[in-house]
Amino acid sequence: MTEVKHTPGPWKREDRFVYALMPDQKRHGQEVNRFWLSVQPQAGYGVPDAEIDANANLIAAAPELLEALKSAVLSWEESHNPPSEWAHPEWYAKAKFAISKAESTTL
């Protein structure tokens, strides 16, 4: 698998903010944010709070979801070695595409 380029987890969520902490670093006794983002709807679109909450939860879980998916793909590949092209289940192609999308360096 490829080298991790995203901000490592764990990511945490507080209200509409999602952030990743610097490992083992504190400033003034507080943990230090390495990266954070605000999950806010575009003004005037009336996005329901439940949708905003779901988006924040999904973003916060993304590093763990990616790692779990990569582990599942690797496990399947190791148990089906050598894998034949016609033997790939539908989930495998979707998983490989999602991993590629998450690790892409192009926008």
N, C-alpha and C. Protein backbone atom coordinates (compact mmCIF):
# COMPACT_ATOMS: atom_id res chain seq x y z
N MET A 1 0.84 -1.18 0.00
CA MET A 1 0.00 0.00 0.00
C MET A 1 0.89 1.25 0.00
N THR A 2 0.29 2.39 -0.29
CA THR A 2 1.06 3.61 -0.41
C THR A 2 1.32 4.26 0.93
N GLU A 3 2.27 5.19 0.92
CA GLU A 3 2.62 5.93 2.13
C GLU A 3 1.47 6.87 2.51
N VAL A 4 1.23 6.99 3.81
CA VAL A 4 0.16 7.87 4.30
C VAL A 4 0.58 9.32 4.13
N LYS A 5 -0.25 10.11 3.45
CA LYS A 5 0.05 11.52 3.24
C LYS A 5 -0.91 12.43 4.00
N HIS A 6 -2.02 11.87 4.48
CA HIS A 6 -2.98 12.69 5.21
C HIS A 6 -2.52 12.91 6.64
N THR A 7 -3.13 13.86 7.30
CA THR A 7 -2.84 14.09 8.72
C THR A 7 -3.26 12.86 9.50
N PRO A 8 -2.34 12.27 10.24
CA PRO A 8 -2.69 11.04 10.94
C PRO A 8 -3.76 11.28 12.01
N GLY A 9 -4.48 10.24 12.31
CA GLY A 9 -5.50 10.31 13.35
C GLY A 9 -4.88 10.09 14.70
N PRO A 10 -5.65 10.02 15.72
CA PRO A 10 -7.10 10.07 15.58
C PRO A 10 -7.61 11.49 15.37
N TRP A 11 -8.66 11.58 14.59
CA TRP A 11 -9.35 12.85 14.42
C TRP A 11 -10.48 12.87 15.43
N LYS A 12 -10.77 14.04 15.92
CA LYS A 12 -11.85 14.18 16.91
C LYS A 12 -12.85 15.22 16.43
N ARG A 13 -14.01 15.15 17.01
CA ARG A 13 -15.06 16.09 16.64
C ARG A 13 -15.61 16.76 17.89
N GLU A 14 -15.75 18.06 17.82
CA GLU A 14 -16.42 18.85 18.85
C GLU A 14 -17.34 19.82 18.13
N ASP A 15 -18.62 19.65 18.34
CA ASP A 15 -19.63 20.47 17.68
C ASP A 15 -19.41 20.41 16.17
N ARG A 16 -19.17 21.54 15.54
CA ARG A 16 -18.98 21.56 14.08
C ARG A 16 -17.51 21.68 13.69
N PHE A 17 -16.62 21.32 14.60
CA PHE A 17 -15.18 21.35 14.32
C PHE A 17 -14.64 19.93 14.34
N VAL A 18 -13.81 19.61 13.38
CA VAL A 18 -13.14 18.32 13.31
C VAL A 18 -11.65 18.63 13.32
N TYR A 19 -10.89 17.92 14.16
CA TYR A 19 -9.48 18.23 14.27
C TYR A 19 -8.64 16.99 14.56
N ALA A 20 -7.37 17.11 14.24
CA ALA A 20 -6.40 16.08 14.56
C ALA A 20 -5.37 16.71 15.49
N LEU A 21 -4.99 15.98 16.52
CA LEU A 21 -4.05 16.50 17.50
C LEU A 21 -2.62 16.13 17.15
N MET A 22 -1.69 16.98 17.55
CA MET A 22 -0.27 16.66 17.43
C MET A 22 0.01 15.57 18.45
N PRO A 23 0.67 14.51 18.05
CA PRO A 23 0.95 13.44 19.01
C PRO A 23 1.88 13.90 20.11
N ASP A 24 1.48 13.68 21.35
CA ASP A 24 2.30 13.94 22.53
C ASP A 24 2.83 15.37 22.62
N GLN A 25 2.10 16.34 22.12
CA GLN A 25 2.53 17.73 22.24
C GLN A 25 1.46 18.53 22.94
N LYS A 26 1.91 19.37 23.84
CA LYS A 26 0.99 20.23 24.58
C LYS A 26 1.55 21.65 24.60
N ARG A 27 0.63 22.61 24.65
CA ARG A 27 1.00 24.01 24.77
C ARG A 27 0.12 24.59 25.87
N HIS A 28 0.75 25.13 26.88
CA HIS A 28 0.01 25.67 28.03
C HIS A 28 -0.89 24.62 28.65
N GLY A 29 -0.41 23.37 28.68
CA GLY A 29 -1.15 22.27 29.27
C GLY A 29 -2.27 21.72 28.41
N GLN A 30 -2.45 22.28 27.22
CA GLN A 30 -3.52 21.85 26.32
C GLN A 30 -2.92 21.07 25.15
N GLU A 31 -3.67 20.09 24.66
CA GLU A 31 -3.23 19.38 23.46
C GLU A 31 -3.23 20.35 22.27
N VAL A 32 -2.32 20.14 21.34
CA VAL A 32 -2.15 21.05 20.22
C VAL A 32 -2.79 20.46 18.96
N ASN A 33 -3.61 21.27 18.30
CA ASN A 33 -4.22 20.85 17.03
C ASN A 33 -3.18 20.88 15.93
N ARG A 34 -3.10 19.79 15.18
CA ARG A 34 -2.23 19.75 14.00
C ARG A 34 -2.99 20.30 12.80
N PHE A 35 -4.26 20.00 12.75
CA PHE A 35 -5.10 20.39 11.61
C PHE A 35 -6.53 20.45 12.11
N TRP A 36 -7.30 21.41 11.64
CA TRP A 36 -8.71 21.44 11.99
C TRP A 36 -9.51 22.01 10.84
N LEU A 37 -10.77 21.68 10.84
CA LEU A 37 -11.67 22.25 9.86
C LEU A 37 -13.03 22.45 10.49
N SER A 38 -13.77 23.36 9.91
CA SER A 38 -15.11 23.66 10.38
C SER A 38 -16.09 23.12 9.36
N VAL A 39 -17.06 22.36 9.83
CA VAL A 39 -18.07 21.78 8.96
C VAL A 39 -19.30 22.68 9.03
N GLN A 40 -19.38 23.58 8.07
CA GLN A 40 -20.46 24.56 8.04
C GLN A 40 -21.11 24.54 6.66
N PRO A 41 -22.42 24.70 6.60
CA PRO A 41 -23.09 24.76 5.29
C PRO A 41 -22.86 26.12 4.64
N GLN A 42 -22.98 26.13 3.33
CA GLN A 42 -22.92 27.40 2.61
C GLN A 42 -24.12 28.23 3.03
N ALA A 43 -23.90 29.51 3.26
CA ALA A 43 -24.96 30.39 3.72
C ALA A 43 -26.15 30.37 2.75
N GLY A 44 -27.33 30.33 3.33
CA GLY A 44 -28.55 30.42 2.54
C GLY A 44 -29.10 29.10 2.02
N TYR A 45 -28.44 27.97 2.34
CA TYR A 45 -28.92 26.70 1.81
C TYR A 45 -29.73 25.90 2.82
N GLY A 46 -29.80 26.31 4.06
CA GLY A 46 -30.66 25.66 5.05
C GLY A 46 -30.39 24.18 5.24
N VAL A 47 -29.12 23.82 5.34
CA VAL A 47 -28.76 22.41 5.54
C VAL A 47 -29.17 22.00 6.96
N PRO A 48 -29.89 20.88 7.11
CA PRO A 48 -30.33 20.45 8.44
C PRO A 48 -29.14 20.12 9.35
N ASP A 49 -29.32 20.39 10.64
CA ASP A 49 -28.27 20.09 11.61
C ASP A 49 -27.85 18.62 11.57
N ALA A 50 -28.80 17.72 11.37
CA ALA A 50 -28.48 16.29 11.33
C ALA A 50 -27.51 15.97 10.19
N GLU A 51 -27.66 16.64 9.06
CA GLU A 51 -26.75 16.43 7.93
C GLU A 51 -25.35 16.98 8.25
N ILE A 52 -25.31 18.14 8.88
CA ILE A 52 -24.02 18.73 9.27
C ILE A 52 -23.31 17.80 10.26
N ASP A 53 -24.06 17.30 11.24
CA ASP A 53 -23.48 16.37 12.23
C ASP A 53 -22.96 15.11 11.55
N ALA A 54 -23.74 14.55 10.63
CA ALA A 54 -23.32 13.34 9.93
C ALA A 54 -22.05 13.58 9.11
N ASN A 55 -21.95 14.74 8.46
CA ASN A 55 -20.75 15.07 7.70
C ASN A 55 -19.54 15.18 8.61
N ALA A 56 -19.70 15.83 9.75
CA ALA A 56 -18.58 15.98 10.70
C ALA A 56 -18.15 14.61 11.22
N ASN A 57 -19.10 13.75 11.53
CA ASN A 57 -18.75 12.40 12.01
C ASN A 57 -18.00 11.60 10.94
N LEU A 58 -18.46 11.69 9.70
CA LEU A 58 -17.81 10.97 8.61
C LEU A 58 -16.38 11.46 8.40
N ILE A 59 -16.19 12.75 8.42
CA ILE A 59 -14.84 13.31 8.24
C ILE A 59 -13.93 12.88 9.39
N ALA A 60 -14.43 12.92 10.61
CA ALA A 60 -13.62 12.53 11.77
C ALA A 60 -13.25 11.05 11.72
N ALA A 61 -14.12 10.22 11.16
CA ALA A 61 -13.87 8.78 11.09
C ALA A 61 -13.05 8.38 9.87
N ALA A 62 -12.82 9.28 8.93
CA ALA A 62 -12.18 8.94 7.66
C ALA A 62 -10.84 8.22 7.80
N PRO A 63 -9.91 8.67 8.65
CA PRO A 63 -8.64 7.94 8.74
C PRO A 63 -8.80 6.49 9.18
N GLU A 64 -9.69 6.24 10.15
CA GLU A 64 -9.92 4.88 10.61
C GLU A 64 -10.64 4.05 9.54
N LEU A 65 -11.58 4.67 8.83
CA LEU A 65 -12.27 3.96 7.76
C LEU A 65 -11.30 3.56 6.65
N LEU A 66 -10.41 4.47 6.28
CA LEU A 66 -9.42 4.17 5.24
C LEU A 66 -8.51 3.03 5.68
N GLU A 67 -8.04 3.08 6.90
CA GLU A 67 -7.15 2.03 7.40
C GLU A 67 -7.86 0.68 7.44
N ALA A 68 -9.11 0.66 7.88
CA ALA A 68 -9.87 -0.59 7.93
C ALA A 68 -10.09 -1.15 6.52
N LEU A 69 -10.40 -0.28 5.58
CA LEU A 69 -10.63 -0.72 4.21
C LEU A 69 -9.35 -1.28 3.60
N LYS A 70 -8.23 -0.60 3.84
CA LYS A 70 -6.95 -1.09 3.32
C LYS A 70 -6.60 -2.45 3.93
N SER A 71 -6.89 -2.63 5.21
CA SER A 71 -6.65 -3.92 5.86
C SER A 71 -7.51 -5.02 5.27
N ALA A 72 -8.78 -4.72 5.00
CA ALA A 72 -9.69 -5.71 4.41
C ALA A 72 -9.21 -6.11 3.01
N VAL A 73 -8.80 -5.14 2.21
CA VAL A 73 -8.31 -5.42 0.86
C VAL A 73 -7.04 -6.28 0.93
N LEU A 74 -6.12 -5.89 1.79
CA LEU A 74 -4.87 -6.64 1.93
C LEU A 74 -5.14 -8.07 2.39
N SER A 75 -6.02 -8.24 3.34
CA SER A 75 -6.36 -9.57 3.84
C SER A 75 -6.95 -10.42 2.72
N TRP A 76 -7.87 -9.83 1.94
CA TRP A 76 -8.48 -10.57 0.84
C TRP A 76 -7.43 -10.95 -0.20
N GLU A 77 -6.54 -10.00 -0.52
CA GLU A 77 -5.50 -10.28 -1.52
C GLU A 77 -4.56 -11.39 -1.06
N GLU A 78 -4.22 -11.37 0.22
CA GLU A 78 -3.32 -12.40 0.75
C GLU A 78 -3.97 -13.78 0.75
N SER A 79 -5.28 -13.84 0.96
CA SER A 79 -5.96 -15.13 0.99
C SER A 79 -6.35 -15.62 -0.41
N HIS A 80 -6.21 -14.77 -1.42
CA HIS A 80 -6.52 -15.13 -2.80
C HIS A 80 -5.30 -14.87 -3.68
N ASN A 81 -4.17 -15.42 -3.29
CA ASN A 81 -2.93 -15.17 -4.01
C ASN A 81 -2.57 -16.36 -4.87
N PRO A 82 -2.37 -16.21 -6.16
CA PRO A 82 -2.51 -14.95 -6.91
C PRO A 82 -3.98 -14.69 -7.24
N PRO A 83 -4.41 -13.44 -7.09
CA PRO A 83 -5.81 -13.15 -7.39
C PRO A 83 -6.06 -13.16 -8.89
N SER A 84 -7.15 -13.78 -9.28
CA SER A 84 -7.51 -13.77 -10.71
C SER A 84 -8.48 -12.62 -10.95
N GLU A 85 -8.38 -12.02 -12.10
CA GLU A 85 -9.20 -10.85 -12.41
C GLU A 85 -10.70 -11.14 -12.29
N TRP A 86 -11.15 -12.29 -12.72
CA TRP A 86 -12.58 -12.57 -12.71
C TRP A 86 -13.10 -12.94 -11.33
N ALA A 87 -12.18 -13.22 -10.38
CA ALA A 87 -12.60 -13.67 -9.05
C ALA A 87 -12.80 -12.53 -8.06
N HIS A 88 -12.58 -11.29 -8.49
CA HIS A 88 -12.74 -10.16 -7.56
C HIS A 88 -14.22 -9.89 -7.28
N PRO A 89 -14.61 -9.88 -6.03
CA PRO A 89 -16.01 -9.54 -5.72
C PRO A 89 -16.25 -8.04 -5.97
N GLU A 90 -17.51 -7.68 -6.08
CA GLU A 90 -17.87 -6.28 -6.36
C GLU A 90 -17.31 -5.33 -5.30
N TRP A 91 -17.35 -5.72 -4.04
CA TRP A 91 -16.86 -4.84 -2.98
C TRP A 91 -15.38 -4.53 -3.16
N TYR A 92 -14.62 -5.48 -3.71
CA TYR A 92 -13.18 -5.30 -3.86
C TYR A 92 -12.89 -4.15 -4.83
N ALA A 93 -13.56 -4.12 -5.96
CA ALA A 93 -13.36 -3.04 -6.93
C ALA A 93 -13.76 -1.69 -6.32
N LYS A 94 -14.87 -1.66 -5.59
CA LYS A 94 -15.30 -0.42 -4.94
C LYS A 94 -14.28 0.02 -3.88
N ALA A 95 -13.77 -0.93 -3.13
CA ALA A 95 -12.79 -0.62 -2.09
C ALA A 95 -11.51 -0.07 -2.70
N LYS A 96 -11.01 -0.71 -3.76
CA LYS A 96 -9.80 -0.24 -4.43
C LYS A 96 -9.99 1.17 -4.99
N PHE A 97 -11.17 1.44 -5.56
CA PHE A 97 -11.46 2.77 -6.09
C PHE A 97 -11.49 3.80 -4.95
N ALA A 98 -12.14 3.47 -3.84
CA ALA A 98 -12.23 4.40 -2.71
C ALA A 98 -10.85 4.70 -2.13
N ILE A 99 -10.01 3.68 -2.01
CA ILE A 99 -8.65 3.88 -1.50
C ILE A 99 -7.88 4.78 -2.45
N SER A 100 -7.99 4.52 -3.74
CA SER A 100 -7.31 5.34 -4.73
C SER A 100 -7.78 6.79 -4.66
N LYS A 101 -9.07 6.97 -4.51
CA LYS A 101 -9.64 8.32 -4.42
C LYS A 101 -9.12 9.04 -3.16
N ALA A 102 -9.07 8.33 -2.05
CA ALA A 102 -8.61 8.93 -0.79
C ALA A 102 -7.12 9.27 -0.84
N GLU A 103 -6.34 8.48 -1.58
CA GLU A 103 -4.89 8.68 -1.59
C GLU A 103 -4.41 9.44 -2.82
N SER A 104 -5.32 9.91 -3.66
CA SER A 104 -4.95 10.63 -4.86
C SER A 104 -4.29 11.96 -4.51
N THR A 105 -3.32 12.34 -5.31
CA THR A 105 -2.66 13.63 -5.10
C THR A 105 -3.20 14.69 -6.04
N THR A 106 -4.17 14.32 -6.88
CA THR A 106 -4.76 15.30 -7.79
C THR A 106 -6.12 15.73 -7.27
N LEU A 107 -6.51 16.90 -7.64
CA LEU A 107 -7.81 17.41 -7.17
C LEU A 107 -8.88 17.14 -8.17
